[in-house]
Amino acid sequence: MTDELWNLLTTRLEGQGTITTLGRRVPNEVVATSNCDVELRSQQARKRDNKNRPKTRTLRRSSFETWWAYLQEHGRASLVAGDPECPPTSHSCITGTILAVCFPERIEVSADRREIRLRD
Protein backbone atom coordinates (compact mmCIF):
# COMPACT_ATOMS: atom_id res chain seq x y z
CA MET A 1 0.00 0.00 0.00
CA THR A 2 1.53 3.26 -1.10
CA ASP A 3 1.71 6.36 1.08
CA GLU A 4 -0.77 8.01 -1.28
CA LEU A 5 -3.29 5.19 -0.80
CA TRP A 6 -2.77 5.17 2.98
CA ASN A 7 -3.32 8.94 3.14
CA LEU A 8 -6.52 8.57 1.12
CA LEU A 9 -7.72 5.79 3.43
CA THR A 10 -7.09 7.81 6.61
CA THR A 11 -8.67 10.95 5.14
CA ARG A 12 -11.79 9.07 4.12
CA LEU A 13 -11.88 7.20 7.43
CA GLU A 14 -11.74 10.41 9.46
CA GLY A 15 -14.82 11.61 7.59
CA GLN A 16 -16.78 8.48 8.54
CA GLY A 17 -16.96 8.96 12.32
CA THR A 18 -18.24 5.41 12.82
CA ILE A 19 -17.55 2.27 10.79
CA THR A 20 -19.88 -0.71 11.16
CA THR A 21 -18.39 -4.12 10.45
CA LEU A 22 -19.91 -5.76 7.41
CA GLY A 23 -20.37 -9.20 8.94
CA ARG A 24 -21.71 -8.79 12.47
CA ARG A 25 -22.60 -5.10 12.06
CA VAL A 26 -20.74 -3.90 15.13
CA PRO A 27 -20.27 -0.10 15.27
CA ASN A 28 -16.69 1.13 15.73
CA GLU A 29 -15.98 4.77 16.50
CA VAL A 30 -12.97 6.19 14.67
CA VAL A 31 -10.90 7.72 17.48
CA ALA A 32 -7.74 8.71 15.60
CA THR A 33 -5.64 8.04 12.52
CA SER A 34 -1.92 8.54 11.92
CA ASN A 35 0.75 7.66 9.38
CA CYS A 36 1.14 4.21 10.96
CA ASP A 37 -2.18 3.17 12.51
CA VAL A 38 -5.90 3.62 13.08
CA GLU A 39 -7.43 3.73 16.55
CA LEU A 40 -11.02 2.52 17.02
CA ARG A 41 -13.44 2.10 19.89
CA SER A 42 -15.75 -0.88 19.38
CA GLN A 43 -19.20 -0.51 20.88
CA GLN A 44 -19.14 -4.22 21.71
CA ALA A 45 -15.88 -4.21 23.68
CA ARG A 46 -16.15 -5.74 27.15
CA LYS A 47 -13.11 -3.96 28.59
CA ARG A 48 -13.66 -0.40 29.79
CA ASP A 49 -11.36 2.59 30.24
CA ASN A 50 -11.26 4.86 33.30
CA LYS A 51 -14.25 6.84 31.93
CA ASN A 52 -16.29 3.62 31.57
CA ARG A 53 -16.13 3.76 27.77
CA PRO A 54 -15.21 0.72 25.70
CA LYS A 55 -11.40 0.51 25.42
CA THR A 56 -9.81 1.46 22.14
CA ARG A 57 -7.91 -0.88 19.85
CA THR A 58 -5.18 -0.09 17.38
CA LEU A 59 -5.08 -1.38 13.83
CA ARG A 60 -1.57 -1.14 12.41
CA ARG A 61 -0.86 0.07 8.91
CA SER A 62 0.91 -3.24 8.31
CA SER A 63 -2.43 -5.08 8.69
CA PHE A 64 -3.96 -2.91 5.98
CA GLU A 65 -0.90 -3.54 3.81
CA THR A 66 -1.28 -7.31 4.31
CA TRP A 67 -4.95 -7.09 3.30
CA TRP A 68 -4.22 -4.90 0.30
CA ALA A 69 -1.48 -7.26 -0.93
CA TYR A 70 -3.80 -10.25 -0.44
CA LEU A 71 -6.53 -8.55 -2.48
CA GLN A 72 -4.06 -7.66 -5.22
CA GLU A 73 -2.87 -11.27 -5.41
CA HIS A 74 -6.18 -13.14 -4.99
CA GLY A 75 -8.79 -10.60 -6.07
CA ARG A 76 -11.00 -11.40 -3.08
CA ALA A 77 -10.84 -12.00 0.67
CA SER A 78 -13.15 -13.41 3.31
CA LEU A 79 -14.28 -11.21 6.20
CA VAL A 80 -14.73 -14.25 8.41
CA ALA A 81 -11.87 -14.62 10.89
CA GLY A 82 -10.24 -18.03 10.64
CA ASP A 83 -11.48 -18.64 7.09
CA PRO A 84 -8.63 -19.86 4.84
CA GLU A 85 -9.36 -16.95 2.47
CA CYS A 86 -9.15 -14.35 5.27
CA PRO A 87 -5.78 -12.59 5.46
CA PRO A 88 -4.02 -13.54 8.70
CA THR A 89 -4.10 -10.26 10.64
CA SER A 90 -5.52 -9.20 13.97
CA HIS A 91 -8.91 -7.50 13.73
CA SER A 92 -9.37 -8.92 10.25
CA CYS A 93 -13.10 -8.23 9.86
CA ILE A 94 -12.86 -4.52 10.65
CA THR A 95 -9.67 -4.14 8.58
CA GLY A 96 -11.39 -5.55 5.49
CA THR A 97 -14.51 -3.51 6.24
CA ILE A 98 -12.50 -0.29 6.41
CA LEU A 99 -10.90 -1.02 3.04
CA ALA A 100 -14.32 -1.66 1.48
CA VAL A 101 -15.89 1.46 3.01
CA CYS A 102 -12.96 3.74 2.15
CA PHE A 103 -12.47 2.44 -1.41
CA PRO A 104 -15.94 1.67 -2.83
CA GLU A 105 -14.67 2.56 -6.30
CA ARG A 106 -12.08 -0.25 -6.03
CA ILE A 107 -13.73 -2.83 -3.76
CA GLU A 108 -17.19 -4.41 -3.81
CA VAL A 109 -18.93 -6.32 -1.03
CA SER A 110 -20.67 -9.67 -1.58
CA ALA A 111 -24.43 -9.84 -1.06
CA ASP A 112 -24.01 -11.82 2.16
CA ARG A 113 -21.44 -9.27 3.43
CA ARG A 114 -18.90 -12.03 4.17
CA GLU A 115 -16.43 -11.29 1.36
CA ILE A 116 -14.89 -8.34 -0.44
CA ARG A 117 -13.62 -8.35 -4.02
CA LEU A 118 -11.59 -6.00 -6.18
CA ARG A 119 -13.68 -4.39 -8.89
CA ASP A 120 -12.72 -5.08 -12.50
C-alpha atoms as a PDB file:
ATOM      1  CA  MET A   1       0.000   0.000   0.000  1.00  0.00           C
ATOM      2  CA  THR A   2       1.534   3.256  -1.102  1.00  0.00           C
ATOM      3  CA  ASP A   3       1.714   6.363   1.082  1.00  0.00           C
ATOM      4  CA  GLU A   4      -0.769   8.012  -1.277  1.00  0.00           C
ATOM      5  CA  LEU A   5      -3.287   5.187  -0.803  1.00  0.00           C
ATOM      6  CA  TRP A   6      -2.770   5.169   2.984  1.00  0.00           C
ATOM      7  CA  ASN A   7      -3.320   8.939   3.141  1.00  0.00           C
ATOM      8  CA  LEU A   8      -6.515   8.568   1.117  1.00  0.00           C
ATOM      9  CA  LEU A   9      -7.720   5.794   3.428  1.00  0.00           C
ATOM     10  CA  THR A  10      -7.090   7.805   6.609  1.00  0.00           C
ATOM     11  CA  THR A  11      -8.669  10.955   5.140  1.00  0.00           C
ATOM     12  CA  ARG A  12     -11.788   9.066   4.120  1.00  0.00           C
ATOM     13  CA  LEU A  13     -11.882   7.201   7.425  1.00  0.00           C
ATOM     14  CA  GLU A  14     -11.737  10.412   9.462  1.00  0.00           C
ATOM     15  CA  GLY A  15     -14.815  11.613   7.590  1.00  0.00           C
ATOM     16  CA  GLN A  16     -16.779   8.483   8.541  1.00  0.00           C
ATOM     17  CA  GLY A  17     -16.963   8.958  12.324  1.00  0.00           C
ATOM     18  CA  THR A  18     -18.236   5.410  12.816  1.00  0.00           C
ATOM     19  CA  ILE A  19     -17.551   2.271  10.793  1.00  0.00           C
ATOM     20  CA  THR A  20     -19.881  -0.707  11.159  1.00  0.00           C
ATOM     21  CA  THR A  21     -18.386  -4.119  10.451  1.00  0.00           C
ATOM     22  CA  LEU A  22     -19.911  -5.758   7.407  1.00  0.00           C
ATOM     23  CA  GLY A  23     -20.368  -9.197   8.938  1.00  0.00           C
ATOM     24  CA  ARG A  24     -21.707  -8.785  12.465  1.00  0.00           C
ATOM     25  CA  ARG A  25     -22.603  -5.097  12.057  1.00  0.00           C
ATOM     26  CA  VAL A  26     -20.735  -3.897  15.134  1.00  0.00           C
ATOM     27  CA  PRO A  27     -20.272  -0.104  15.270  1.00  0.00           C
ATOM     28  CA  ASN A  28     -16.694   1.133  15.730  1.00  0.00           C
ATOM     29  CA  GLU A  29     -15.977   4.771  16.503  1.00  0.00           C
ATOM     30  CA  VAL A  30     -12.968   6.194  14.665  1.00  0.00           C
ATOM     31  CA  VAL A  31     -10.902   7.717  17.482  1.00  0.00           C
ATOM     32  CA  ALA A  32      -7.742   8.712  15.595  1.00  0.00           C
ATOM     33  CA  THR A  33      -5.636   8.036  12.517  1.00  0.00           C
ATOM     34  CA  SER A  34      -1.923   8.539  11.923  1.00  0.00           C
ATOM     35  CA  ASN A  35       0.746   7.664   9.381  1.00  0.00           C
ATOM     36  CA  CYS A  36       1.143   4.206  10.957  1.00  0.00           C
ATOM     37  CA  ASP A  37      -2.182   3.165  12.510  1.00  0.00           C
ATOM     38  CA  VAL A  38      -5.905   3.616  13.077  1.00  0.00           C
ATOM     39  CA  GLU A  39      -7.430   3.730  16.547  1.00  0.00           C
ATOM     40  CA  LEU A  40     -11.017   2.516  17.025  1.00  0.00           C
ATOM     41  CA  ARG A  41     -13.441   2.096  19.889  1.00  0.00           C
ATOM     42  CA  SER A  42     -15.753  -0.882  19.381  1.00  0.00           C
ATOM     43  CA  GLN A  43     -19.199  -0.511  20.882  1.00  0.00           C
ATOM     44  CA  GLN A  44     -19.145  -4.221  21.709  1.00  0.00           C
ATOM     45  CA  ALA A  45     -15.883  -4.209  23.685  1.00  0.00           C
ATOM     46  CA  ARG A  46     -16.150  -5.739  27.147  1.00  0.00           C
ATOM     47  CA  LYS A  47     -13.113  -3.962  28.590  1.00  0.00           C
ATOM     48  CA  ARG A  48     -13.662  -0.400  29.792  1.00  0.00           C
ATOM     49  CA  ASP A  49     -11.361   2.592  30.241  1.00  0.00           C
ATOM     50  CA  ASN A  50     -11.255   4.865  33.302  1.00  0.00           C
ATOM     51  CA  LYS A  51     -14.248   6.842  31.932  1.00  0.00           C
ATOM     52  CA  ASN A  52     -16.285   3.619  31.573  1.00  0.00           C
ATOM     53  CA  ARG A  53     -16.127   3.762  27.766  1.00  0.00           C
ATOM     54  CA  PRO A  54     -15.208   0.721  25.701  1.00  0.00           C
ATOM     55  CA  LYS A  55     -11.403   0.506  25.420  1.00  0.00           C
ATOM     56  CA  THR A  56      -9.813   1.459  22.141  1.00  0.00           C
ATOM     57  CA  ARG A  57      -7.907  -0.882  19.854  1.00  0.00           C
ATOM     58  CA  THR A  58      -5.181  -0.088  17.381  1.00  0.00           C
ATOM     59  CA  LEU A  59      -5.076  -1.381  13.831  1.00  0.00           C
ATOM     60  CA  ARG A  60      -1.567  -1.142  12.410  1.00  0.00           C
ATOM     61  CA  ARG A  61      -0.861   0.067   8.908  1.00  0.00           C
ATOM     62  CA  SER A  62       0.915  -3.240   8.308  1.00  0.00           C
ATOM     63  CA  SER A  63      -2.426  -5.078   8.686  1.00  0.00           C
ATOM     64  CA  PHE A  64      -3.958  -2.913   5.976  1.00  0.00           C
ATOM     65  CA  GLU A  65      -0.896  -3.540   3.806  1.00  0.00           C
ATOM     66  CA  THR A  66      -1.281  -7.305   4.309  1.00  0.00           C
ATOM     67  CA  TRP A  67      -4.948  -7.094   3.303  1.00  0.00           C
ATOM     68  CA  TRP A  68      -4.215  -4.904   0.295  1.00  0.00           C
ATOM     69  CA  ALA A  69      -1.477  -7.259  -0.935  1.00  0.00           C
ATOM     70  CA  TYR A  70      -3.798 -10.247  -0.439  1.00  0.00           C
ATOM     71  CA  LEU A  71      -6.535  -8.554  -2.479  1.00  0.00           C
ATOM     72  CA  GLN A  72      -4.056  -7.659  -5.219  1.00  0.00           C
ATOM     73  CA  GLU A  73      -2.871 -11.275  -5.412  1.00  0.00           C
ATOM     74  CA  HIS A  74      -6.182 -13.141  -4.992  1.00  0.00           C
ATOM     75  CA  GLY A  75      -8.790 -10.605  -6.067  1.00  0.00           C
ATOM     76  CA  ARG A  76     -10.996 -11.396  -3.081  1.00  0.00           C
ATOM     77  CA  ALA A  77     -10.845 -11.997   0.669  1.00  0.00           C
ATOM     78  CA  SER A  78     -13.152 -13.408   3.313  1.00  0.00           C
ATOM     79  CA  LEU A  79     -14.285 -11.208   6.196  1.00  0.00           C
ATOM     80  CA  VAL A  80     -14.730 -14.253   8.412  1.00  0.00           C
ATOM     81  CA  ALA A  81     -11.875 -14.616  10.894  1.00  0.00           C
ATOM     82  CA  GLY A  82     -10.235 -18.029  10.640  1.00  0.00           C
ATOM     83  CA  ASP A  83     -11.481 -18.644   7.094  1.00  0.00           C
ATOM     84  CA  PRO A  84      -8.627 -19.864   4.841  1.00  0.00           C
ATOM     85  CA  GLU A  85      -9.359 -16.947   2.471  1.00  0.00           C
ATOM     86  CA  CYS A  86      -9.155 -14.353   5.265  1.00  0.00           C
ATOM     87  CA  PRO A  87      -5.777 -12.589   5.458  1.00  0.00           C
ATOM     88  CA  PRO A  88      -4.016 -13.538   8.702  1.00  0.00           C
ATOM     89  CA  THR A  89      -4.104 -10.256  10.642  1.00  0.00           C
ATOM     90  CA  SER A  90      -5.518  -9.197  13.970  1.00  0.00           C
ATOM     91  CA  HIS A  91      -8.911  -7.497  13.735  1.00  0.00           C
ATOM     92  CA  SER A  92      -9.372  -8.922  10.247  1.00  0.00           C
ATOM     93  CA  CYS A  93     -13.097  -8.227   9.856  1.00  0.00           C
ATOM     94  CA  ILE A  94     -12.856  -4.516  10.647  1.00  0.00           C
ATOM     95  CA  THR A  95      -9.666  -4.142   8.579  1.00  0.00           C
ATOM     96  CA  GLY A  96     -11.389  -5.554   5.491  1.00  0.00           C
ATOM     97  CA  THR A  97     -14.511  -3.509   6.239  1.00  0.00           C
ATOM     98  CA  ILE A  98     -12.496  -0.290   6.413  1.00  0.00           C
ATOM     99  CA  LEU A  99     -10.899  -1.017   3.044  1.00  0.00           C
ATOM    100  CA  ALA A 100     -14.320  -1.656   1.478  1.00  0.00           C
ATOM    101  CA  VAL A 101     -15.885   1.459   3.010  1.00  0.00           C
ATOM    102  CA  CYS A 102     -12.962   3.743   2.150  1.00  0.00           C
ATOM    103  CA  PHE A 103     -12.474   2.444  -1.411  1.00  0.00           C
ATOM    104  CA  PRO A 104     -15.941   1.670  -2.829  1.00  0.00           C
ATOM    105  CA  GLU A 105     -14.674   2.556  -6.296  1.00  0.00           C
ATOM    106  CA  ARG A 106     -12.080  -0.248  -6.028  1.00  0.00           C
ATOM    107  CA  ILE A 107     -13.733  -2.834  -3.765  1.00  0.00           C
ATOM    108  CA  GLU A 108     -17.188  -4.412  -3.806  1.00  0.00           C
ATOM    109  CA  VAL A 109     -18.928  -6.323  -1.027  1.00  0.00           C
ATOM    110  CA  SER A 110     -20.669  -9.666  -1.577  1.00  0.00           C
ATOM    111  CA  ALA A 111     -24.434  -9.837  -1.056  1.00  0.00           C
ATOM    112  CA  ASP A 112     -24.011 -11.824   2.162  1.00  0.00           C
ATOM    113  CA  ARG A 113     -21.436  -9.270   3.426  1.00  0.00           C
ATOM    114  CA  ARG A 114     -18.896 -12.030   4.168  1.00  0.00           C
ATOM    115  CA  GLU A 115     -16.432 -11.289   1.362  1.00  0.00           C
ATOM    116  CA  ILE A 116     -14.891  -8.336  -0.444  1.00  0.00           C
ATOM    117  CA  ARG A 117     -13.617  -8.347  -4.025  1.00  0.00           C
ATOM    118  CA  LEU A 118     -11.593  -5.999  -6.183  1.00  0.00           C
ATOM    119  CA  ARG A 119     -13.683  -4.394  -8.893  1.00  0.00           C
ATOM    120  CA  ASP A 120     -12.724  -5.077 -12.503  1.00  0.00           C
END
